[in-house]
């Protein structure tokens, strides 16, 4: 009985993980599509020389610790 319950738990977790992955991929595809469709203007629209509310800093290079060779 425990083995059967563990198998169903793995199947359930795998299915929910796959569903979450598909949702993330769809959101990423929509984001890339909107960005390419507006030629990037939508990303920089709230950015002005005075305002500090840009969604990101286009002049900054983002590097993860993994990219630096740190395990």
Protein backbone atom coordinates (compact mmCIF):
# COMPACT_ATOMS: atom_id res chain seq x y z
CA UNK A 1 0.00 0.00 0.00
CA UNK A 2 2.83 2.41 0.86
CA UNK A 3 4.58 1.72 -2.44
CA UNK A 4 1.40 2.46 -4.39
CA UNK A 5 0.87 5.67 -2.43
CA UNK A 6 4.44 6.77 -3.13
CA UNK A 7 4.00 6.11 -6.85
CA UNK A 8 0.85 8.23 -6.96
CA UNK A 9 2.58 10.98 -5.01
CA UNK A 10 5.43 11.00 -7.54
CA UNK A 11 2.99 11.04 -10.46
CA UNK A 12 1.01 13.89 -8.88
CA UNK A 13 4.11 15.96 -8.13
CA UNK A 14 5.48 15.31 -11.60
CA UNK A 15 2.23 16.36 -13.25
CA UNK A 16 1.97 19.54 -11.20
CA UNK A 17 5.61 20.36 -11.91
CA UNK A 18 5.06 19.84 -15.63
CA UNK A 19 1.99 22.07 -15.56
CA UNK A 20 3.95 24.80 -13.79
CA UNK A 21 6.73 24.48 -16.35
CA UNK A 22 4.30 24.81 -19.24
CA UNK A 23 2.76 27.91 -17.65
CA UNK A 24 6.21 29.49 -17.22
CA UNK A 25 7.13 28.69 -20.83
CA UNK A 26 3.90 30.23 -22.10
CA UNK A 27 4.48 33.37 -20.03
CA UNK A 28 8.05 33.61 -21.29
CA UNK A 29 6.91 33.17 -24.90
CA UNK A 30 4.27 35.88 -24.45
CA UNK A 31 6.82 38.23 -22.89
CA UNK A 32 9.34 37.66 -25.67
CA UNK A 33 6.61 38.08 -28.28
CA UNK A 34 5.41 41.37 -26.79
CA UNK A 35 8.97 42.64 -26.50
CA UNK A 36 9.85 41.76 -30.07
CA UNK A 37 6.52 43.07 -31.30
CA UNK A 38 7.14 46.48 -29.76
CA UNK A 39 10.86 46.38 -30.61
CA UNK A 40 11.71 46.76 -26.93
CA UNK A 41 9.94 50.10 -26.51
CA UNK A 42 7.50 48.68 -23.94
CA UNK A 43 10.37 47.77 -21.63
CA UNK A 44 11.86 51.24 -21.66
CA UNK A 45 8.57 53.17 -21.73
CA UNK A 46 8.54 54.03 -17.99
CA UNK A 47 12.22 55.01 -18.12
CA UNK A 48 13.12 58.66 -18.33
CA UNK A 49 16.27 60.54 -17.46
CA UNK A 50 14.60 61.89 -14.32
CA UNK A 51 12.45 58.95 -13.17
CA UNK A 52 14.03 56.05 -11.34
CA UNK A 53 11.20 53.56 -11.87
CA UNK A 54 12.69 51.53 -14.73
CA UNK A 55 11.84 47.81 -14.59
CA UNK A 56 15.56 47.10 -15.00
CA UNK A 57 18.84 48.93 -15.42
CA UNK A 58 19.80 48.61 -19.12
CA UNK A 59 23.38 49.65 -18.34
CA UNK A 60 24.03 46.98 -15.71
CA UNK A 61 25.50 43.56 -16.44
CA UNK A 62 23.82 40.87 -14.37
CA UNK A 63 26.02 37.91 -13.50
CA UNK A 64 25.03 34.97 -11.35
CA UNK A 65 27.50 33.32 -8.97
CA UNK A 66 27.39 30.25 -11.23
CA UNK A 67 28.64 32.38 -14.10
CA UNK A 68 31.65 33.38 -12.03
CA UNK A 69 32.73 29.79 -11.51
CA UNK A 70 31.55 29.68 -7.89
CA UNK A 71 29.98 26.31 -7.14
